[in-house]
């Protein structure tokens, strides 16, 4: 295993872990405004690391161009989408807990 393959494997594992953490955060957080954070920050960084791992496996200019465009568009669209969702939720007066989160474990009251 070369150094590039090891770096690609590490980037892939960390990126997949961040994407998984984003999914767990989307399920566990309550309310729209709280869910915006895991929907954007760890998910985008996870994707960027996975794209880097893809480039490390095949380091050519043709691959780099497509991967850079994909990463750039992901950063732009995730940021704009989170802003628009947050703005709409704030203007609509969305409650802190909209009732869609997983209920806490324990005895029912």
PDB file of N, CA and C in Angstrom:
ATOM      1  N   UNK A   1       0.849  -1.173   0.000  1.00  0.00           N
ATOM      2  CA  UNK A   1       0.000   0.000   0.000  1.00  0.00           C
ATOM      3  C   UNK A   1       0.898   1.242   0.000  1.00  0.00           C
ATOM      4  N   UNK A   2       0.677   2.097  -0.974  1.00  0.00           N
ATOM      5  CA  UNK A   2       1.479   3.308  -1.082  1.00  0.00           C
ATOM      6  C   UNK A   2       0.952   4.378  -0.129  1.00  0.00           C
ATOM      7  N   UNK A   3       1.705   5.455  -0.030  1.00  0.00           N
ATOM      8  CA  UNK A   3       1.301   6.560   0.848  1.00  0.00           C
ATOM      9  C   UNK A   3       0.014   7.223   0.343  1.00  0.00           C
ATOM     10  N   UNK A   4      -0.132   7.330  -0.987  1.00  0.00           N
ATOM     11  CA  UNK A   4      -1.360   7.915  -1.543  1.00  0.00           C
ATOM     12  C   UNK A   4      -2.578   7.049  -1.249  1.00  0.00           C
ATOM     13  N   UNK A   5      -2.409   5.743  -1.331  1.00  0.00           N
ATOM     14  CA  UNK A   5      -3.529   4.849  -1.017  1.00  0.00           C
ATOM     15  C   UNK A   5      -3.911   4.931   0.454  1.00  0.00           C
ATOM     16  N   UNK A   6      -2.927   5.036   1.325  1.00  0.00           N
ATOM     17  CA  UNK A   6      -3.212   5.161   2.760  1.00  0.00           C
ATOM     18  C   UNK A   6      -3.912   6.487   3.064  1.00  0.00           C
ATOM     19  N   UNK A   7      -3.466   7.561   2.423  1.00  0.00           N
ATOM     20  CA  UNK A   7      -4.111   8.861   2.621  1.00  0.00           C
ATOM     21  C   UNK A   7      -5.539   8.845   2.088  1.00  0.00           C
ATOM     22  N   UNK A   8      -5.743   8.187   0.943  1.00  0.00           N
ATOM     23  CA  UNK A   8      -7.087   8.081   0.373  1.00  0.00           C
ATOM     24  C   UNK A   8      -8.003   7.286   1.295  1.00  0.00           C
ATOM     25  N   UNK A   9      -7.490   6.210   1.863  1.00  0.00           N
ATOM     26  CA  UNK A   9      -8.294   5.400   2.782  1.00  0.00           C
ATOM     27  C   UNK A   9      -8.655   6.196   4.036  1.00  0.00           C
ATOM     28  N   UNK A  10      -7.700   6.957   4.555  1.00  0.00           N
ATOM     29  CA  UNK A  10      -7.976   7.768   5.744  1.00  0.00           C
ATOM     30  C   UNK A  10      -9.014   8.846   5.443  1.00  0.00           C
ATOM     31  N   UNK A  11      -8.871   9.515   4.310  1.00  0.00           N
ATOM     32  CA  UNK A  11      -9.857  10.540   3.924  1.00  0.00           C
ATOM     33  C   UNK A  11     -11.238   9.928   3.730  1.00  0.00           C
ATOM     34  N   UNK A  12     -11.291   8.755   3.141  1.00  0.00           N
ATOM     35  CA  UNK A  12     -12.577   8.093   2.909  1.00  0.00           C
ATOM     36  C   UNK A  12     -13.230   7.722   4.232  1.00  0.00           C
ATOM     37  N   UNK A  13     -12.467   7.191   5.167  1.00  0.00           N
ATOM     38  CA  UNK A  13     -13.034   6.809   6.464  1.00  0.00           C
ATOM     39  C   UNK A  13     -13.519   8.018   7.260  1.00  0.00           C
ATOM     40  N   UNK A  14     -12.720   9.059   7.299  1.00  0.00           N
ATOM     41  CA  UNK A  14     -13.122  10.264   8.036  1.00  0.00           C
ATOM     42  C   UNK A  14     -14.323  10.921   7.361  1.00  0.00           C
ATOM     43  N   UNK A  15     -14.313  10.979   6.043  1.00  0.00           N
ATOM     44  CA  UNK A  15     -15.440  11.556   5.313  1.00  0.00           C
ATOM     45  C   UNK A  15     -16.724  10.777   5.528  1.00  0.00           C
ATOM     46  N   UNK A  16     -16.631   9.453   5.495  1.00  0.00           N
ATOM     47  CA  UNK A  16     -17.818   8.625   5.743  1.00  0.00           C
ATOM     48  C   UNK A  16     -18.300   8.796   7.175  1.00  0.00           C
ATOM     49  N   UNK A  17     -17.370   8.919   8.118  1.00  0.00           N
ATOM     50  CA  UNK A  17     -17.764   9.147   9.512  1.00  0.00           C
ATOM     51  C   UNK A  17     -18.483  10.474   9.691  1.00  0.00           C
ATOM     52  N   UNK A  18     -17.996  11.508   9.027  1.00  0.00           N
ATOM     53  CA  UNK A  18     -18.661  12.806   9.112  1.00  0.00           C
ATOM     54  C   UNK A  18     -20.044  12.780   8.464  1.00  0.00           C
ATOM     55  N   UNK A  19     -20.171  12.099   7.338  1.00  0.00           N
ATOM     56  CA  UNK A  19     -21.482  11.985   6.697  1.00  0.00           C
ATOM     57  C   UNK A  19     -22.450  11.207   7.579  1.00  0.00           C
ATOM     58  N   UNK A  20     -21.958  10.170   8.241  1.00  0.00           N
ATOM     59  CA  UNK A  20     -22.800   9.411   9.171  1.00  0.00           C
ATOM     60  C   UNK A  20     -23.211  10.270  10.359  1.00  0.00           C
ATOM     61  N   UNK A  21     -22.276  11.032  10.897  1.00  0.00           N
ATOM     62  CA  UNK A  21     -22.591  11.925  12.019  1.00  0.00           C
ATOM     63  C   UNK A  21     -23.627  12.970  11.614  1.00  0.00           C
ATOM     64  N   UNK A  22     -23.557  13.444  10.384  1.00  0.00           N
ATOM     65  CA  UNK A  22     -24.555  14.401   9.897  1.00  0.00           C
ATOM     66  C   UNK A  22     -25.935  13.755   9.848  1.00  0.00           C
ATOM     67  N   UNK A  23     -25.993  12.514   9.402  1.00  0.00           N
ATOM     68  CA  UNK A  23     -27.275  11.814   9.363  1.00  0.00           C
ATOM     69  C   UNK A  23     -27.847  11.584  10.747  1.00  0.00           C
ATOM     70  N   UNK A  24     -27.003  11.206  11.683  1.00  0.00           N
ATOM     71  CA  UNK A  24     -27.461  11.010  13.055  1.00  0.00           C
ATOM     72  C   UNK A  24     -27.935  12.334  13.645  1.00  0.00           C
ATOM     73  N   UNK A  25     -27.217  13.403  13.373  1.00  0.00           N
ATOM     74  CA  UNK A  25     -27.627  14.719  13.873  1.00  0.00           C
ATOM     75  C   UNK A  25     -28.956  15.165  13.303  1.00  0.00           C
ATOM     76  N   UNK A  26     -29.204  14.840  12.031  1.00  0.00           N
ATOM     77  CA  UNK A  26     -30.483  15.200  11.426  1.00  0.00           C
ATOM     78  C   UNK A  26     -31.634  14.476  12.099  1.00  0.00           C
ATOM     79  N   UNK A  27     -31.401  13.263  12.539  1.00  0.00           N
ATOM     80  CA  UNK A  27     -32.462  12.496  13.184  1.00  0.00           C
ATOM     81  C   UNK A  27     -32.632  12.910  14.641  1.00  0.00           C
ATOM     82  N   UNK A  28     -31.535  13.185  15.325  1.00  0.00           N
ATOM     83  CA  UNK A  28     -31.590  13.422  16.769  1.00  0.00           C
ATOM     84  C   UNK A  28     -31.946  14.850  17.165  1.00  0.00           C
ATOM     85  N   UNK A  29     -31.558  15.836  16.381  1.00  0.00           N
ATOM     86  CA  UNK A  29     -31.838  17.220  16.766  1.00  0.00           C
ATOM     87  C   UNK A  29     -33.317  17.518  16.601  1.00  0.00           C
ATOM     88  N   UNK A  30     -33.818  18.378  17.470  1.00  0.00           N
ATOM     89  CA  UNK A  30     -35.222  18.757  17.376  1.00  0.00           C
ATOM     90  C   UNK A  30     -35.325  20.143  16.766  1.00  0.00           C
ATOM     91  N   UNK A  31     -36.256  20.322  15.892  1.00  0.00           N
ATOM     92  CA  UNK A  31     -36.493  21.631  15.305  1.00  0.00           C
ATOM     93  C   UNK A  31     -35.693  21.878  14.047  1.00  0.00           C
ATOM     94  N   UNK A  32     -36.259  22.700  13.208  1.00  0.00           N
ATOM     95  CA  UNK A  32     -35.645  23.007  11.912  1.00  0.00           C
ATOM     96  C   UNK A  32     -34.339  23.766  12.074  1.00  0.00           C
ATOM     97  N   UNK A  33     -34.340  24.771  12.937  1.00  0.00           N
ATOM     98  CA  UNK A  33     -33.135  25.591  13.078  1.00  0.00           C
ATOM     99  C   UNK A  33     -31.966  24.788  13.652  1.00  0.00           C
ATOM    100  N   UNK A  34     -32.242  23.847  14.541  1.00  0.00           N
ATOM    101  CA  UNK A  34     -31.171  23.015  15.099  1.00  0.00           C
ATOM    102  C   UNK A  34     -30.655  22.020  14.065  1.00  0.00           C
ATOM    103  N   UNK A  35     -31.495  21.582  13.156  1.00  0.00           N
ATOM    104  CA  UNK A  35     -31.093  20.592  12.159  1.00  0.00           C
ATOM    105  C   UNK A  35     -30.277  21.187  11.022  1.00  0.00           C
ATOM    106  N   UNK A  36     -30.279  22.481  10.892  1.00  0.00           N
ATOM    107  CA  UNK A  36     -29.508  23.093   9.802  1.00  0.00           C
ATOM    108  C   UNK A  36     -28.017  22.853   9.963  1.00  0.00           C
ATOM    109  N   UNK A  37     -27.520  22.817  11.176  1.00  0.00           N
ATOM    110  CA  UNK A  37     -26.087  22.619  11.392  1.00  0.00           C
ATOM    111  C   UNK A  37     -25.611  21.254  10.882  1.00  0.00           C
ATOM    112  N   UNK A  38     -26.201  20.132  11.337  1.00  0.00           N
ATOM    113  CA  UNK A  38     -25.696  18.851  10.819  1.00  0.00           C
ATOM    114  C   UNK A  38     -26.011  18.632   9.347  1.00  0.00           C
ATOM    115  N   UNK A  39     -26.976  19.344   8.812  1.00  0.00           N
ATOM    116  CA  UNK A  39     -27.298  19.173   7.398  1.00  0.00           C
ATOM    117  C   UNK A  39     -26.275  19.841   6.499  1.00  0.00           C
ATOM    118  N   UNK A  40     -25.487  20.756   7.038  1.00  0.00           N
ATOM    119  CA  UNK A  40     -24.548  21.479   6.185  1.00  0.00           C
ATOM    120  C   UNK A  40     -23.095  21.239   6.555  1.00  0.00           C
ATOM    121  N   UNK A  41     -22.690  21.590   7.746  1.00  0.00           N
ATOM    122  CA  UNK A  41     -21.254  21.600   8.057  1.00  0.00           C
ATOM    123  C   UNK A  41     -20.583  20.226   7.992  1.00  0.00           C
ATOM    124  N   UNK A  42     -20.979  19.238   8.795  1.00  0.00           N
ATOM    125  CA  UNK A  42     -20.253  17.958   8.705  1.00  0.00           C
ATOM    126  C   UNK A  42     -20.505  17.227   7.399  1.00  0.00           C
ATOM    127  N   UNK A  43     -21.673  17.409   6.824  1.00  0.00           N
ATOM    128  CA  UNK A  43     -21.983  16.734   5.565  1.00  0.00           C
ATOM    129  C   UNK A  43     -21.098  17.270   4.447  1.00  0.00           C
ATOM    130  N   UNK A  44     -20.931  18.574   4.378  1.00  0.00           N
ATOM    131  CA  UNK A  44     -20.108  19.170   3.319  1.00  0.00           C
ATOM    132  C   UNK A  44     -18.638  18.796   3.503  1.00  0.00           C
ATOM    133  N   UNK A  45     -18.149  18.864   4.732  1.00  0.00           N
ATOM    134  CA  UNK A  45     -16.748  18.486   4.965  1.00  0.00           C
ATOM    135  C   UNK A  45     -16.534  17.007   4.672  1.00  0.00           C
ATOM    136  N   UNK A  46     -17.494  16.164   5.028  1.00  0.00           N
ATOM    137  CA  UNK A  46     -17.385  14.737   4.719  1.00  0.00           C
ATOM    138  C   UNK A  46     -17.313  14.494   3.223  1.00  0.00           C
ATOM    139  N   UNK A  47     -18.152  15.188   2.475  1.00  0.00           N
ATOM    140  CA  UNK A  47     -18.118  15.033   1.022  1.00  0.00           C
ATOM    141  C   UNK A  47     -16.797  15.531   0.444  1.00  0.00           C
ATOM    142  N   UNK A  48     -16.287  16.640   0.964  1.00  0.00           N
ATOM    143  CA  UNK A  48     -15.009  17.165   0.472  1.00  0.00           C
ATOM    144  C   UNK A  48     -13.882  16.149   0.700  1.00  0.00           C
ATOM    145  N   UNK A  49     -13.888  15.489   1.854  1.00  0.00           N
ATOM    146  CA  UNK A  49     -12.862  14.480   2.133  1.00  0.00           C
ATOM    147  C   UNK A  49     -13.019  13.265   1.217  1.00  0.00           C
ATOM    148  N   UNK A  50     -14.238  12.870   0.928  1.00  0.00           N
ATOM    149  CA  UNK A  50     -14.455  11.748   0.020  1.00  0.00           C
ATOM    150  C   UNK A  50     -14.005  12.113  -1.392  1.00  0.00           C
ATOM    151  N   UNK A  51     -14.273  13.343  -1.810  1.00  0.00           N
ATOM    152  CA  UNK A  51     -13.796  13.787  -3.124  1.00  0.00           C
ATOM    153  C   UNK A  51     -12.270  13.824  -3.170  1.00  0.00           C
ATOM    154  N   UNK A  52     -11.646  14.251  -2.080  1.00  0.00           N
ATOM    155  CA  UNK A  52     -10.180  14.245  -2.009  1.00  0.00           C
ATOM    156  C   UNK A  52      -9.652  12.817  -2.100  1.00  0.00           C
ATOM    157  N   UNK A  53     -10.319  11.890  -1.435  1.00  0.00           N
ATOM    158  CA  UNK A  53      -9.897  10.485  -1.509  1.00  0.00           C
ATOM    159  C   UNK A  53     -10.018   9.956  -2.931  1.00  0.00           C
ATOM    160  N   UNK A  54     -11.077  10.361  -3.624  1.00  0.00           N
ATOM    161  CA  UNK A  54     -11.231   9.934  -5.019  1.00  0.00           C
ATOM    162  C   UNK A  54     -10.093  10.478  -5.882  1.00  0.00           C
ATOM    163  N   UNK A  55      -9.701  11.725  -5.636  1.00  0.00           N
ATOM    164  CA  UNK A  55      -8.617  12.293  -6.418  1.00  0.00           C
ATOM    165  C   UNK A  55      -7.281  11.628  -6.078  1.00  0.00           C
ATOM    166  N   UNK A  56      -7.076  11.296  -4.808  1.00  0.00           N
ATOM    167  CA  UNK A  56      -5.825  10.638  -4.422  1.00  0.00           C
ATOM    168  C   UNK A  56      -5.697   9.256  -5.064  1.00  0.00           C
ATOM    169  N   UNK A  57      -6.809   8.605  -5.320  1.00  0.00           N
ATOM    170  CA  UNK A  57      -6.764   7.296  -5.980  1.00  0.00           C
ATOM    171  C   UNK A  57      -6.448   7.429  -7.468  1.00  0.00           C
ATOM    172  N   UNK A  58      -6.854   8.545  -8.092  1.00  0.00           N
ATOM    173  CA  UNK A  58      -6.610   8.755  -9.522  1.00  0.00           C
ATOM    174  C   UNK A  58      -6.215  10.221  -9.729  1.00  0.00           C
ATOM    175  N   UNK A  59      -4.970  10.581  -9.398  1.00  0.00           N
ATOM    176  CA  UNK A  59      -4.543  11.994  -9.459  1.00  0.00           C
ATOM    177  C   UNK A  59      -4.232  12.481 -10.871  1.00  0.00           C
ATOM    178  N   UNK A  60      -5.278  12.777 -11.624  1.00  0.00           N
ATOM    179  CA  UNK A  60      -5.108  13.351 -12.959  1.00  0.00           C
ATOM    180  C   UNK A  60      -5.843  14.687 -13.011  1.00  0.00           C
ATOM    181  N   UNK A  61      -5.492  15.501 -13.994  1.00  0.00           N
ATOM    182  CA  UNK A  61      -6.140  16.808 -14.123  1.00  0.00           C
ATOM    183  C   UNK A  61      -7.600  16.662 -14.527  1.00  0.00           C
ATOM    184  N   UNK A  62      -7.905  15.670 -15.335  1.00  0.00           N
ATOM    185  CA  UNK A  62      -9.290  15.467 -15.757  1.00  0.00           C
ATOM    186  C   UNK A  62     -10.175  15.117 -14.557  1.00  0.00           C
ATOM    187  N   UNK A  63      -9.670  14.275 -13.694  1.00  0.00           N
ATOM    188  CA  UNK A  63     -10.414  13.914 -12.489  1.00  0.00           C
ATOM    189  C   UNK A  63     -10.512  15.101 -11.543  1.00  0.00           C
ATOM    190  N   UNK A  64      -9.439  15.847 -11.409  1.00  0.00           N
ATOM    191  CA  UNK A  64      -9.432  16.984 -10.484  1.00  0.00           C
ATOM    192  C   UNK A  64     -10.455  18.037 -10.888  1.00  0.00           C
ATOM    193  N   UNK A  65     -10.601  18.284 -12.165  1.00  0.00           N
ATOM    194  CA  UNK A  65     -11.558  19.292 -12.617  1.00  0.00           C
ATOM    195  C   UNK A  65     -12.986  18.952 -12.235  1.00  0.00           C
ATOM    196  N   UNK A  66     -13.387  17.721 -12.508  1.00  0.00           N
ATOM    197  CA  UNK A  66     -14.754  17.302 -12.176  1.00  0.00           C
ATOM    198  C   UNK A  66     -14.978  17.299 -10.671  1.00  0.00           C
ATOM    199  N   UNK A  67     -13.991  16.835  -9.919  1.00  0.00           N
ATOM    200  CA  UNK A  67     -14.144  16.775  -8.464  1.00  0.00           C
ATOM    201  C   UNK A  67     -14.159  18.175  -7.845  1.00  0.00           C
ATOM    202  N   UNK A  68     -13.349  19.081  -8.371  1.00  0.00           N
ATOM    203  CA  UNK A  68     -13.361  20.453  -7.855  1.00  0.00           C
ATOM    204  C   UNK A  68     -14.698  21.137  -8.117  1.00  0.00           C
ATOM    205  N   UNK A  69     -15.252  20.943  -9.299  1.00  0.00           N
ATOM    206  CA  UNK A  69     -16.561  21.518  -9.596  1.00  0.00           C
ATOM    207  C   UNK A  69     -17.641  20.945  -8.679  1.00  0.00           C
ATOM    208  N   UNK A  70     -17.604  19.651  -8.461  1.00  0.00           N
ATOM    209  CA  UNK A  70     -18.573  19.013  -7.572  1.00  0.00           C
ATOM    210  C   UNK A  70     -18.462  19.565  -6.159  1.00  0.00           C
ATOM    211  N   UNK A  71     -17.248  19.676  -5.655  1.00  0.00           N
ATOM    212  CA  UNK A  71     -17.049  20.207  -4.310  1.00  0.00           C
ATOM    213  C   UNK A  71     -17.468  21.658  -4.192  1.00  0.00           C
ATOM    214  N   UNK A  72     -17.149  22.459  -5.189  1.00  0.00           N
ATOM    215  CA  UNK A  72     -17.513  23.870  -5.169  1.00  0.00           C
ATOM    216  C   UNK A  72     -19.032  24.053  -5.186  1.00  0.00           C
ATOM    217  N   UNK A  73     -19.707  23.327  -6.066  1.00  0.00           N
ATOM    218  CA  UNK A  73     -21.169  23.446  -6.133  1.00  0.00           C
ATOM    219  C   UNK A  73     -21.828  22.946  -4.857  1.00  0.00           C
ATOM    220  N   UNK A  74     -21.255  21.932  -4.223  1.00  0.00           N
ATOM    221  CA  UNK A  74     -21.810  21.438  -2.962  1.00  0.00           C
ATOM    222  C   UNK A  74     -21.690  22.496  -1.870  1.00  0.00           C
ATOM    223  N   UNK A  75     -20.561  23.155  -1.785  1.00  0.00           N
ATOM    224  CA  UNK A  75     -20.381  24.203  -0.769  1.00  0.00           C
ATOM    225  C   UNK A  75     -21.362  25.350  -1.003  1.00  0.00           C
ATOM    226  N   UNK A  76     -21.506  25.766  -2.248  1.00  0.00           N
ATOM    227  CA  UNK A  76     -22.400  26.890  -2.550  1.00  0.00           C
ATOM    228  C   UNK A  76     -23.848  26.521  -2.297  1.00  0.00           C
ATOM    229  N   UNK A  77     -24.292  25.381  -2.813  1.00  0.00           N
ATOM    230  CA  UNK A  77     -25.711  25.043  -2.686  1.00  0.00           C
ATOM    231  C   UNK A  77     -26.098  24.701  -1.253  1.00  0.00           C
ATOM    232  N   UNK A  78     -25.238  24.036  -0.497  1.00  0.00           N
ATOM    233  CA  UNK A  78     -25.583  23.707   0.893  1.00  0.00           C
ATOM    234  C   UNK A  78     -25.695  24.977   1.732  1.00  0.00           C
ATOM    235  N   UNK A  79     -24.825  25.930   1.489  1.00  0.00           N
ATOM    236  CA  UNK A  79     -24.866  27.182   2.241  1.00  0.00           C
ATOM    237  C   UNK A  79     -26.126  27.973   1.926  1.00  0.00           C
ATOM    238  N   UNK A  80     -26.426  28.109   0.663  1.00  0.00           N
ATOM    239  CA  UNK A  80     -27.614  28.865   0.259  1.00  0.00           C
ATOM    240  C   UNK A  80     -28.883  28.162   0.721  1.00  0.00           C
ATOM    241  N   UNK A  81     -28.936  26.843   0.600  1.00  0.00           N
ATOM    242  CA  UNK A  81     -30.126  26.102   1.021  1.00  0.00           C
ATOM    243  C   UNK A  81     -30.345  26.231   2.526  1.00  0.00           C
ATOM    244  N   UNK A  82     -29.281  26.132   3.323  1.00  0.00           N
ATOM    245  CA  UNK A  82     -29.429  26.273   4.771  1.00  0.00           C
ATOM    246  C   UNK A  82     -29.890  27.677   5.137  1.00  0.00           C
ATOM    247  N   UNK A  83     -29.377  28.667   4.455  1.00  0.00           N
ATOM    248  CA  UNK A  83     -29.800  30.042   4.717  1.00  0.00           C
ATOM    249  C   UNK A  83     -31.287  30.220   4.416  1.00  0.00           C
ATOM    250  N   UNK A  84     -31.720  29.707   3.280  1.00  0.00           N
ATOM    251  CA  UNK A  84     -33.123  29.873   2.887  1.00  0.00           C
ATOM    252  C   UNK A  84     -34.065  29.104   3.814  1.00  0.00           C
ATOM    253  N   UNK A  85     -33.691  27.903   4.217  1.00  0.00           N
ATOM    254  CA  UNK A  85     -34.520  27.128   5.142  1.00  0.00           C
ATOM    255  C   UNK A  85     -34.587  27.819   6.498  1.00  0.00           C
ATOM    256  N   UNK A  86     -33.455  28.296   6.987  1.00  0.00           N
ATOM    257  CA  UNK A  86     -33.442  29.005   8.261  1.00  0.00           C
ATOM    258  C   UNK A  86     -34.251  30.282   8.219  1.00  0.00           C
ATOM    259  N   UNK A  87     -34.144  31.001   7.151  1.00  0.00           N
ATOM    260  CA  UNK A  87     -34.903  32.241   7.002  1.00  0.00           C
ATOM    261  C   UNK A  87     -36.405  31.963   6.975  1.00  0.00           C
ATOM    262  N   UNK A  88     -36.806  30.947   6.223  1.00  0.00           N
ATOM    263  CA  UNK A  88     -38.228  30.603   6.152  1.00  0.00           C
ATOM    264  C   UNK A  88     -38.747  30.117   7.498  1.00  0.00           C
ATOM    265  N   UNK A  89     -37.956  29.309   8.202  1.00  0.00           N
ATOM    266  CA  UNK A  89     -38.388  28.804   9.507  1.00  0.00           C
ATOM    267  C   UNK A  89     -38.486  29.935  10.521  1.00  0.00           C
ATOM    268  N   UNK A  90     -37.543  30.847  10.481  1.00  0.00           N
ATOM    269  CA  UNK A  90     -37.564  31.973  11.424  1.00  0.00           C
ATOM    270  C   UNK A  90     -38.767  32.877  11.159  1.00  0.00           C
ATOM    271  N   UNK A  91     -39.015  33.168   9.890  1.00  0.00           N
ATOM    272  CA  UNK A  91     -40.149  34.036   9.549  1.00  0.00           C
ATOM    273  C   UNK A  91     -41.489  33.383   9.866  1.00  0.00           C
ATOM    274  N   UNK A  92     -41.553  32.050   9.740  1.00  0.00           N
ATOM    275  CA  UNK A  92     -42.796  31.343  10.029  1.00  0.00           C
ATOM    276  C   UNK A  92     -42.990  31.147  11.521  1.00  0.00           C
ATOM    277  N   UNK A  93     -41.983  31.483  12.311  1.00  0.00           N
ATOM    278  CA  UNK A  93     -42.078  31.307  13.759  1.00  0.00           C
ATOM    279  C   UNK A  93     -42.056  29.845  14.155  1.00  0.00           C
ATOM    280  N   UNK A  94     -41.183  29.069  13.520  1.00  0.00           N
ATOM    281  CA  UNK A  94     -41.096  27.636  13.802  1.00  0.00           C
ATOM    282  C   UNK A  94     -40.730  27.421  15.272  1.00  0.00           C
ATOM    283  N   UNK A  95     -41.413  26.486  15.935  1.00  0.00           N
ATOM    284  CA  UNK A  95     -41.088  26.221  17.344  1.00  0.00           C
ATOM    285  C   UNK A  95     -39.723  25.567  17.477  1.00  0.00           C
ATOM    286  N   UNK A  96     -39.153  25.641  18.672  1.00  0.00           N
ATOM    287  CA  UNK A  96     -37.843  25.044  18.922  1.00  0.00           C
ATOM    288  C   UNK A  96     -37.900  23.530  18.711  1.00  0.00           C
ATOM    289  N   UNK A  97     -38.987  22.897  19.150  1.00  0.00           N
ATOM    290  CA  UNK A  97     -39.163  21.465  18.964  1.00  0.00           C
ATOM    291  C   UNK A  97     -40.404  21.259  18.113  1.00  0.00           C
ATOM    292  N   UNK A  98     -40.207  20.818  16.872  1.00  0.00           N
ATOM    293  CA  UNK A  98     -41.351  20.657  15.975  1.00  0.00           C
ATOM    294  C   UNK A  98     -41.988  19.278  16.044  1.00  0.00           C
ATOM    295  N   UNK A  99     -41.546  18.443  16.997  1.00  0.00           N
ATOM    296  CA  UNK A  99     -42.170  17.147  17.220  1.00  0.00           C
ATOM    297  C   UNK A  99     -41.727  16.039  16.299  1.00  0.00           C
ATOM    298  N   UNK A 100     -40.693  16.248  15.508  1.00  0.00           N
ATOM    299  CA  UNK A 100     -40.264  15.222  14.562  1.00  0.00           C
ATOM    300  C   UNK A 100     -39.005  14.496  15.015  1.00  0.00           C
ATOM    301  N   UNK A 101     -38.421  14.866  16.150  1.00  0.00           N
ATOM    302  CA  UNK A 101     -37.218  14.215  16.624  1.00  0.00           C
ATOM    303  C   UNK A 101     -37.569  12.883  17.275  1.00  0.00           C
ATOM    304  N   UNK A 102     -36.572  12.017  17.426  1.00  0.00           N
ATOM    305  CA  UNK A 102     -36.785  10.730  18.092  1.00  0.00           C
ATOM    306  C   UNK A 102     -37.086  11.010  19.556  1.00  0.00           C
ATOM    307  N   UNK A 103     -38.142  10.421  20.109  1.00  0.00           N
ATOM    308  CA  UNK A 103     -38.452  10.667  21.521  1.00  0.00           C
ATOM    309  C   UNK A 103     -37.372  10.071  22.418  1.00  0.00           C
ATOM    310  N   UNK A 104     -37.137  10.662  23.576  1.00  0.00           N
ATOM    311  CA  UNK A 104     -36.112  10.140  24.488  1.00  0.00           C
ATOM    312  C   UNK A 104     -36.500   8.764  25.017  1.00  0.00           C
ATOM    313  N   UNK A 105     -35.482   7.958  25.278  1.00  0.00           N
ATOM    314  CA  UNK A 105     -35.713   6.622  25.830  1.00  0.00           C
ATOM    315  C   UNK A 105     -36.113   6.738  27.296  1.00  0.00           C
ATOM    316  N   UNK A 106     -36.926   5.829  27.747  1.00  0.00           N
ATOM    317  CA  UNK A 106     -37.314   5.827  29.148  1.00  0.00           C
ATOM    318  C   UNK A 106     -38.781   5.487  29.286  1.00  0.00           C
ATOM    319  N   UNK A 107     -39.225   5.407  30.519  1.00  0.00           N
ATOM    320  CA  UNK A 107     -40.627   5.049  30.749  1.00  0.00           C
ATOM    321  C   UNK A 107     -41.575   6.140  30.269  1.00  0.00           C
ATOM    322  N   UNK A 108     -42.693   5.697  29.739  1.00  0.00           N
ATOM    323  CA  UNK A 108     -43.719   6.653  29.273  1.00  0.00           C
ATOM    324  C   UNK A 108     -44.434   7.257  30.451  1.00  0.00           C
ATOM    325  N   UNK A 109     -44.713   8.514  30.354  1.00  0.00           N
ATOM    326  CA  UNK A 109     -45.380   9.191  31.477  1.00  0.00           C
ATOM    327  C   UNK A 109     -46.858   9.279  31.253  1.00  0.00           C
TER     328      UNK A 109
END
